[in-house]
Amino acid sequence: MESLISFVENEFIPKKEFPKFSSGDTITVFYEIKEGDKTRTQFFKGVVVQRRGTGATETFTIRKMSGTIGVERIFPINMPALQKIELNKRGKVRRARIFYFRGLTGKKARIKEIRSRS
């Protein structure tokens, strides 16, 4: 049964090419919003808190600060409205799900950046 589900996911669900990212990375997600008969592109820039699931049901959670209020948004990786994902910074964290990040403020809320050797 599992092989049948994976076959259907691989054959019929369109795949989009996104950069590889993990928790702790700062990314910008561009997605389409439909308002009546108009569509516009909006972006959401923040730190990836977690990635969960596999295949067609994979999702990722992004957290950003809007003033003094933390805002989190969950995006399915196969959402048709997703246009592109830009990787802004790679972060060095030691966990796959950084829920402790919610309780940090100020300088403690900074994540160390991984510098690429190029």
C-alpha atoms as a PDB file:
ATOM      1  CA  MET A   1       0.000   0.000   0.000  1.00  0.00           C
ATOM      2  CA  GLU A   2       2.830   2.385   0.833  1.00  0.00           C
ATOM      3  CA  SER A   3       4.483   1.752  -2.515  1.00  0.00           C
ATOM      4  CA  LEU A   4       1.203   2.603  -4.269  1.00  0.00           C
ATOM      5  CA  ILE A   5       0.955   5.899  -2.388  1.00  0.00           C
ATOM      6  CA  SER A   6       4.547   6.805  -3.179  1.00  0.00           C
ATOM      7  CA  PHE A   7       4.009   5.877  -6.848  1.00  0.00           C
ATOM      8  CA  VAL A   8       0.993   8.206  -7.097  1.00  0.00           C
ATOM      9  CA  GLU A   9       2.916  11.007  -5.358  1.00  0.00           C
ATOM     10  CA  ASN A  10       5.889  10.643  -7.685  1.00  0.00           C
ATOM     11  CA  GLU A  11       3.862  10.418 -10.888  1.00  0.00           C
ATOM     12  CA  PHE A  12       0.990  12.860 -10.486  1.00  0.00           C
ATOM     13  CA  ILE A  13       2.094  15.611  -8.109  1.00  0.00           C
ATOM     14  CA  PRO A  14       4.186  18.265  -9.885  1.00  0.00           C
ATOM     15  CA  LYS A  15       7.576  18.889  -8.301  1.00  0.00           C
ATOM     16  CA  LYS A  16       9.058  22.365  -7.942  1.00  0.00           C
ATOM     17  CA  GLU A  17      12.775  22.992  -7.577  1.00  0.00           C
ATOM     18  CA  PHE A  18      13.595  24.813  -4.349  1.00  0.00           C
ATOM     19  CA  PRO A  19      16.982  25.294  -2.680  1.00  0.00           C
ATOM     20  CA  LYS A  20      17.914  22.927   0.129  1.00  0.00           C
ATOM     21  CA  PHE A  21      17.221  24.512   3.511  1.00  0.00           C
ATOM     22  CA  SER A  22      16.847  23.301   7.077  1.00  0.00           C
ATOM     23  CA  SER A  23      15.948  24.650  10.491  1.00  0.00           C
ATOM     24  CA  GLY A  24      17.864  27.740  11.522  1.00  0.00           C
ATOM     25  CA  ASP A  25      18.127  29.066   7.973  1.00  0.00           C
ATOM     26  CA  THR A  26      16.692  32.465   7.082  1.00  0.00           C
ATOM     27  CA  ILE A  27      14.596  32.240   3.919  1.00  0.00           C
ATOM     28  CA  THR A  28      12.189  34.365   1.921  1.00  0.00           C
ATOM     29  CA  VAL A  29       9.079  32.639   0.574  1.00  0.00           C
ATOM     30  CA  PHE A  30       7.254  34.254  -2.345  1.00  0.00           C
ATOM     31  CA  TYR A  31       3.645  33.129  -2.720  1.00  0.00           C
ATOM     32  CA  GLU A  32       0.609  34.191  -4.704  1.00  0.00           C
ATOM     33  CA  ILE A  33      -2.493  35.691  -3.105  1.00  0.00           C
ATOM     34  CA  LYS A  34      -5.799  35.865  -4.936  1.00  0.00           C
ATOM     35  CA  GLU A  35      -8.064  38.773  -4.025  1.00  0.00           C
ATOM     36  CA  GLY A  36     -11.222  38.601  -6.091  1.00  0.00           C
ATOM     37  CA  ASP A  37     -10.089  38.355  -9.704  1.00  0.00           C
ATOM     38  CA  LYS A  38      -6.644  39.863  -9.038  1.00  0.00           C
ATOM     39  CA  THR A  39      -3.518  38.005  -7.998  1.00  0.00           C
ATOM     40  CA  ARG A  40      -0.458  39.475  -6.358  1.00  0.00           C
ATOM     41  CA  THR A  41       2.812  38.151  -4.991  1.00  0.00           C
ATOM     42  CA  GLN A  42       3.580  38.512  -1.306  1.00  0.00           C
ATOM     43  CA  PHE A  43       6.697  37.445   0.543  1.00  0.00           C
ATOM     44  CA  PHE A  44       7.320  36.125   4.040  1.00  0.00           C
ATOM     45  CA  LYS A  45      10.884  36.361   5.356  1.00  0.00           C
ATOM     46  CA  GLY A  46      11.916  34.607   8.540  1.00  0.00           C
ATOM     47  CA  VAL A  47      13.763  31.788  10.261  1.00  0.00           C
ATOM     48  CA  VAL A  48      12.837  28.168   9.552  1.00  0.00           C
ATOM     49  CA  VAL A  49      11.664  26.655  12.844  1.00  0.00           C
ATOM     50  CA  GLN A  50      11.022  23.140  11.557  1.00  0.00           C
ATOM     51  CA  ARG A  51      10.532  20.894   8.547  1.00  0.00           C
ATOM     52  CA  ARG A  52       8.201  17.963   8.968  1.00  0.00           C
ATOM     53  CA  GLY A  53       6.758  15.198   6.829  1.00  0.00           C
ATOM     54  CA  THR A  54       8.006  13.590   3.658  1.00  0.00           C
ATOM     55  CA  GLY A  55       7.038  13.593   0.012  1.00  0.00           C
ATOM     56  CA  ALA A  56       3.842  15.373  -0.952  1.00  0.00           C
ATOM     57  CA  THR A  57       2.825  16.116   2.629  1.00  0.00           C
ATOM     58  CA  GLU A  58       6.033  17.876   3.683  1.00  0.00           C
ATOM     59  CA  THR A  59       5.622  21.239   5.413  1.00  0.00           C
ATOM     60  CA  PHE A  60       7.916  23.848   6.898  1.00  0.00           C
ATOM     61  CA  THR A  61       7.289  26.508   9.537  1.00  0.00           C
ATOM     62  CA  ILE A  62       8.764  30.008   9.347  1.00  0.00           C
ATOM     63  CA  ARG A  63       8.896  32.531  12.191  1.00  0.00           C
ATOM     64  CA  LYS A  64       9.413  36.261  11.854  1.00  0.00           C
ATOM     65  CA  MET A  65       9.101  39.200  14.177  1.00  0.00           C
ATOM     66  CA  SER A  66       6.491  41.790  13.224  1.00  0.00           C
ATOM     67  CA  GLY A  67       7.335  44.634  15.575  1.00  0.00           C
ATOM     68  CA  THR A  68       7.357  43.001  18.995  1.00  0.00           C
ATOM     69  CA  ILE A  69       5.004  40.176  18.054  1.00  0.00           C
ATOM     70  CA  GLY A  70       6.233  36.843  16.707  1.00  0.00           C
ATOM     71  CA  VAL A  71       4.388  35.545  13.647  1.00  0.00           C
ATOM     72  CA  GLU A  72       4.645  31.941  12.444  1.00  0.00           C
ATOM     73  CA  ARG A  73       3.360  30.538   9.195  1.00  0.00           C
ATOM     74  CA  ILE A  74       3.231  26.940   7.983  1.00  0.00           C
ATOM     75  CA  PHE A  75       3.789  26.318   4.263  1.00  0.00           C
ATOM     76  CA  PRO A  76       3.203  23.007   2.471  1.00  0.00           C
ATOM     77  CA  ILE A  77       6.148  22.344   0.154  1.00  0.00           C
ATOM     78  CA  ASN A  78       3.782  21.408  -2.707  1.00  0.00           C
ATOM     79  CA  MET A  79       1.469  24.407  -2.327  1.00  0.00           C
ATOM     80  CA  PRO A  80       0.497  25.568  -5.843  1.00  0.00           C
ATOM     81  CA  ALA A  81       0.672  29.229  -4.775  1.00  0.00           C
ATOM     82  CA  LEU A  82       4.374  28.960  -3.843  1.00  0.00           C
ATOM     83  CA  GLN A  83       6.398  30.726  -6.497  1.00  0.00           C
ATOM     84  CA  LYS A  84       9.956  30.631  -5.202  1.00  0.00           C
ATOM     85  CA  ILE A  85      12.067  30.310  -2.088  1.00  0.00           C
ATOM     86  CA  GLU A  86      15.244  32.334  -1.602  1.00  0.00           C
ATOM     87  CA  LEU A  87      17.875  31.229   0.889  1.00  0.00           C
ATOM     88  CA  ASN A  88      19.183  34.365   2.629  1.00  0.00           C
ATOM     89  CA  LYS A  89      21.390  32.935   5.407  1.00  0.00           C
ATOM     90  CA  ARG A  90      22.409  29.489   6.579  1.00  0.00           C
ATOM     91  CA  GLY A  91      22.080  29.107  10.323  1.00  0.00           C
ATOM     92  CA  LYS A  92      24.014  26.836  12.662  1.00  0.00           C
ATOM     93  CA  VAL A  93      21.640  25.093  15.060  1.00  0.00           C
ATOM     94  CA  ARG A  94      21.976  21.770  16.826  1.00  0.00           C
ATOM     95  CA  ARG A  95      18.351  20.691  16.647  1.00  0.00           C
ATOM     96  CA  ALA A  96      15.912  19.836  13.852  1.00  0.00           C
ATOM     97  CA  ARG A  97      13.048  21.738  15.521  1.00  0.00           C
ATOM     98  CA  ILE A  98      14.024  24.943  17.258  1.00  0.00           C
ATOM     99  CA  PHE A  99      10.928  25.627  19.319  1.00  0.00           C
ATOM    100  CA  TYR A 100      13.118  27.149  22.039  1.00  0.00           C
ATOM    101  CA  PHE A 101      13.593  30.039  19.597  1.00  0.00           C
ATOM    102  CA  ARG A 102      10.065  31.242  20.426  1.00  0.00           C
ATOM    103  CA  GLY A 103      11.055  32.198  23.960  1.00  0.00           C
ATOM    104  CA  LEU A 104      14.198  34.133  23.048  1.00  0.00           C
ATOM    105  CA  THR A 105      14.326  37.902  22.611  1.00  0.00           C
ATOM    106  CA  GLY A 106      17.014  40.436  21.814  1.00  0.00           C
ATOM    107  CA  LYS A 107      20.597  39.280  21.314  1.00  0.00           C
ATOM    108  CA  LYS A 108      19.775  35.767  22.509  1.00  0.00           C
ATOM    109  CA  ALA A 109      17.471  35.329  19.512  1.00  0.00           C
ATOM    110  CA  ARG A 110      20.377  35.518  17.070  1.00  0.00           C
ATOM    111  CA  ILE A 111      21.430  32.396  15.209  1.00  0.00           C
ATOM    112  CA  LYS A 112      25.066  31.999  14.225  1.00  0.00           C
ATOM    113  CA  GLU A 113      25.596  32.044  10.473  1.00  0.00           C
ATOM    114  CA  ILE A 114      27.449  29.345   8.559  1.00  0.00           C
ATOM    115  CA  ARG A 115      29.868  30.936   6.139  1.00  0.00           C
ATOM    116  CA  SER A 116      30.336  29.027   2.895  1.00  0.00           C
ATOM    117  CA  ARG A 117      33.853  28.474   1.612  1.00  0.00           C
ATOM    118  CA  SER A 118      33.848  29.967  -1.861  1.00  0.00           C
END
